[in-house]
């Protein structure tokens, strides 16, 4: 598969999504170890459904990117900015690293930082929010590292494997984020 370097980090880069990658996303999203941290974890995903989801996200003005390992041009996950409200300059983000060999190695933090940089410095957003399950401690740690702050909780909103967990809402403001990529090109 050919990818295009839209936003470039040290470990990974973001490329426009390719609907032809839907098969790989299906493999990852049907793997409970991967999907248990995502809102989609309780759904079955066929190839046709995943293609439809990707096409709908593109049609509905979501900014969706493939996350690609910079050393070997291999797809490792995806991320997106969605529910973009241009009037109020706010949006939401989502991310997942599907390749388990890339977990806890900084790929997710770097990819999300590139995405946030794009949101603030290209889309001119002011507030970016995300949702995370309370049991996803690895993601919460990464989000805080980038600068996200907890803004609220929906208590016991997620029931997984018989246990109840909070759904946590976090956000970051443009004034709280230091550009890692885009502002290099401003000068």
Protein backbone atom coordinates (compact mmCIF):
# COMPACT_ATOMS: atom_id res chain seq x y z
CA UNK A 1 0.00 0.00 0.00
CA UNK A 2 1.26 3.48 -0.77
CA UNK A 3 1.05 6.13 1.94
CA UNK A 4 1.53 9.88 1.71
CA UNK A 5 3.38 11.81 4.38
CA UNK A 6 0.96 14.54 5.46
CA UNK A 7 2.33 15.03 9.01
CA UNK A 8 5.75 13.64 9.89
CA UNK A 9 7.10 12.68 13.29
CA UNK A 10 10.27 10.86 14.29
CA UNK A 11 8.71 7.40 14.69
CA UNK A 12 5.60 7.67 12.56
CA UNK A 13 3.75 9.81 10.08
CA UNK A 14 0.10 10.45 9.32
CA UNK A 15 -1.19 9.71 5.84
CA UNK A 16 -4.65 10.24 4.35
CA UNK A 17 -6.73 7.16 5.09
CA UNK A 18 -6.94 4.48 2.42
CA UNK A 19 -10.23 2.58 2.34
CA UNK A 20 -8.30 -0.39 0.93
CA UNK A 21 -6.79 -0.82 4.42
CA UNK A 22 -10.24 -1.78 5.74
CA UNK A 23 -9.23 -5.45 5.87
CA UNK A 24 -6.35 -4.71 8.27
CA UNK A 25 -8.63 -2.54 10.42
CA UNK A 26 -11.15 -5.42 10.54
CA UNK A 27 -8.47 -7.77 11.81
CA UNK A 28 -7.47 -5.33 14.55
CA UNK A 29 -10.96 -4.19 15.52
CA UNK A 30 -12.25 -7.75 15.84
CA UNK A 31 -9.34 -8.55 18.18
CA UNK A 32 -10.79 -8.01 21.66
CA UNK A 33 -7.38 -7.11 23.10
CA UNK A 34 -7.23 -4.17 20.68
CA UNK A 35 -10.90 -3.18 20.57
CA UNK A 36 -11.65 -3.42 24.30
CA UNK A 37 -10.31 0.13 24.65
CA UNK A 38 -12.50 1.54 21.87
CA UNK A 39 -16.14 2.57 21.72
CA UNK A 40 -16.67 -0.01 18.99
CA UNK A 41 -15.62 -3.00 21.15
CA UNK A 42 -19.09 -4.54 21.43
CA UNK A 43 -19.75 -4.55 17.67
CA UNK A 44 -18.97 -7.10 15.00
CA UNK A 45 -17.15 -5.62 12.05
CA UNK A 46 -17.31 -7.17 8.61
CA UNK A 47 -15.12 -5.93 5.79
CA UNK A 48 -18.11 -4.26 4.13
CA UNK A 49 -19.12 -2.53 7.35
CA UNK A 50 -15.60 -1.24 8.01
CA UNK A 51 -15.34 0.12 4.45
CA UNK A 52 -18.69 1.83 4.95
CA UNK A 53 -17.58 3.35 8.27
CA UNK A 54 -14.38 4.70 6.72
CA UNK A 55 -16.25 6.12 3.71
CA UNK A 56 -18.88 7.73 5.98
CA UNK A 57 -16.17 9.35 8.12
CA UNK A 58 -14.56 10.81 5.01
CA UNK A 59 -17.93 12.05 3.66
CA UNK A 60 -18.93 13.60 7.00
CA UNK A 61 -15.94 15.96 7.07
CA UNK A 62 -13.94 13.90 9.53
CA UNK A 63 -10.19 14.25 9.17
CA UNK A 64 -9.07 10.61 9.31
CA UNK A 65 -5.47 9.48 8.97
CA UNK A 66 -3.55 6.24 8.77
CA UNK A 67 -0.72 6.00 11.30
CA UNK A 68 2.33 4.62 9.50
CA UNK A 69 5.64 3.48 10.99
CA UNK A 70 8.29 5.81 9.53
CA UNK A 71 11.02 3.15 9.47
CA UNK A 72 9.20 0.64 7.25
CA UNK A 73 6.06 2.41 5.89
CA UNK A 74 3.86 -0.15 7.63
CA UNK A 75 0.31 0.70 8.74
CA UNK A 76 0.05 0.50 12.55
CA UNK A 77 -3.26 2.24 13.37
CA UNK A 78 -5.39 5.28 12.67
CA UNK A 79 -6.54 8.52 14.20
CA UNK A 80 -9.15 11.12 13.39
CA UNK A 81 -10.57 14.51 14.19
CA UNK A 82 -14.35 14.42 14.01
CA UNK A 83 -17.47 16.32 15.11
CA UNK A 84 -15.68 19.43 13.89
CA UNK A 85 -17.57 22.58 14.87
CA UNK A 86 -16.01 25.43 12.90
CA UNK A 87 -18.13 28.15 14.49
CA UNK A 88 -17.03 27.31 18.02
CA UNK A 89 -13.63 25.97 16.94
CA UNK A 90 -13.97 22.65 18.72
CA UNK A 91 -13.73 18.98 17.77
CA UNK A 92 -13.15 15.49 19.12
CA UNK A 93 -10.33 13.05 18.43
CA UNK A 94 -9.93 9.31 18.46
CA UNK A 95 -6.90 7.08 18.00
CA UNK A 96 -5.87 3.47 18.15
CA UNK A 97 -2.69 1.55 17.52
CA UNK A 98 -3.77 -1.81 16.14
CA UNK A 99 -0.31 -3.33 15.77
CA UNK A 100 0.35 -4.67 19.27
CA UNK A 101 4.12 -4.73 18.58
CA UNK A 102 3.94 -0.92 18.58
CA UNK A 103 2.17 -0.56 21.94
CA UNK A 104 3.91 1.36 24.74
CA UNK A 105 6.67 2.58 22.41
CA UNK A 106 5.54 6.18 21.92
CA UNK A 107 3.81 5.77 18.55
CA UNK A 108 0.38 6.68 19.92
CA UNK A 109 1.64 9.77 21.76
CA UNK A 110 3.52 10.99 18.72
CA UNK A 111 0.63 10.31 16.31
CA UNK A 112 -1.85 12.07 18.58
CA UNK A 113 0.53 15.03 19.00
CA UNK A 114 0.75 15.33 15.20
CA UNK A 115 -3.04 15.15 14.95
CA UNK A 116 -3.53 17.78 17.67
CA UNK A 117 -0.93 20.01 15.98
CA UNK A 118 -2.94 19.70 12.75
CA UNK A 119 -6.18 20.50 14.56
CA UNK A 120 -4.87 23.63 16.23
CA UNK A 121 -2.55 24.96 13.53
CA UNK A 122 -4.26 23.94 10.27
CA UNK A 123 -7.95 23.59 11.19
CA UNK A 124 -7.70 26.58 13.59
CA UNK A 125 -9.44 24.75 16.43
CA UNK A 126 -9.30 26.03 20.00
CA UNK A 127 -10.63 23.04 22.00
CA UNK A 128 -10.09 19.35 21.29
CA UNK A 129 -11.79 16.68 23.40
CA UNK A 130 -11.61 12.90 23.69
CA UNK A 131 -13.29 10.10 25.62
CA UNK A 132 -11.42 7.24 27.28
CA UNK A 133 -12.46 4.29 29.41
CA UNK A 134 -11.27 4.47 33.01
CA UNK A 135 -9.50 1.11 32.76
CA UNK A 136 -7.34 2.25 29.82
CA UNK A 137 -4.52 3.52 32.01
CA UNK A 138 -1.92 3.38 29.21
CA UNK A 139 -3.97 5.77 27.06
CA UNK A 140 -4.77 8.12 29.97
CA UNK A 141 -1.06 8.39 30.73
CA UNK A 142 -0.30 9.19 27.07
CA UNK A 143 -3.07 11.80 26.87
CA UNK A 144 -1.82 13.56 30.00
CA UNK A 145 1.72 13.51 28.60
CA UNK A 146 0.47 15.43 25.55
CA UNK A 147 -1.35 17.95 27.77
CA UNK A 148 -4.95 16.71 27.95
CA UNK A 149 -6.74 17.38 31.23
CA UNK A 150 -9.68 15.52 32.71
CA UNK A 151 -12.84 17.62 32.45
CA UNK A 152 -15.40 15.11 33.69
CA UNK A 153 -16.56 11.57 34.18
CA UNK A 154 -19.63 9.57 33.44
CA UNK A 155 -19.61 7.18 36.36
CA UNK A 156 -19.96 3.43 35.76
CA UNK A 157 -20.94 4.10 32.15
CA UNK A 158 -18.95 1.18 30.73
CA UNK A 159 -19.61 -2.40 31.76
CA UNK A 160 -16.94 -4.77 30.51
CA UNK A 161 -16.39 -8.36 31.67
CA UNK A 162 -18.91 -7.77 34.45
CA UNK A 163 -17.01 -4.80 35.90
CA UNK A 164 -18.24 -1.20 35.87
CA UNK A 165 -15.90 1.56 34.74
CA UNK A 166 -16.08 5.32 34.36
CA UNK A 167 -16.00 7.00 30.99
CA UNK A 168 -13.53 9.88 31.25
CA UNK A 169 -13.71 13.09 29.22
CA UNK A 170 -10.49 15.00 28.58
CA UNK A 171 -9.65 18.09 26.57
CA UNK A 172 -6.81 20.36 25.57
CA UNK A 173 -6.81 24.02 24.50
CA UNK A 174 -4.71 25.54 21.74
CA UNK A 175 -2.99 27.75 24.33
CA UNK A 176 -1.87 24.61 26.23
CA UNK A 177 -0.21 22.90 23.26
CA UNK A 178 3.24 23.45 21.78
CA UNK A 179 3.45 22.67 18.05
CA UNK A 180 5.84 19.83 17.26
CA UNK A 181 5.65 19.88 13.47
CA UNK A 182 3.55 22.50 11.70
CA UNK A 183 5.05 25.68 13.13
CA UNK A 184 8.45 24.64 11.70
CA UNK A 185 7.01 25.52 8.29
CA UNK A 186 5.65 28.89 9.40
CA UNK A 187 9.08 30.50 9.46
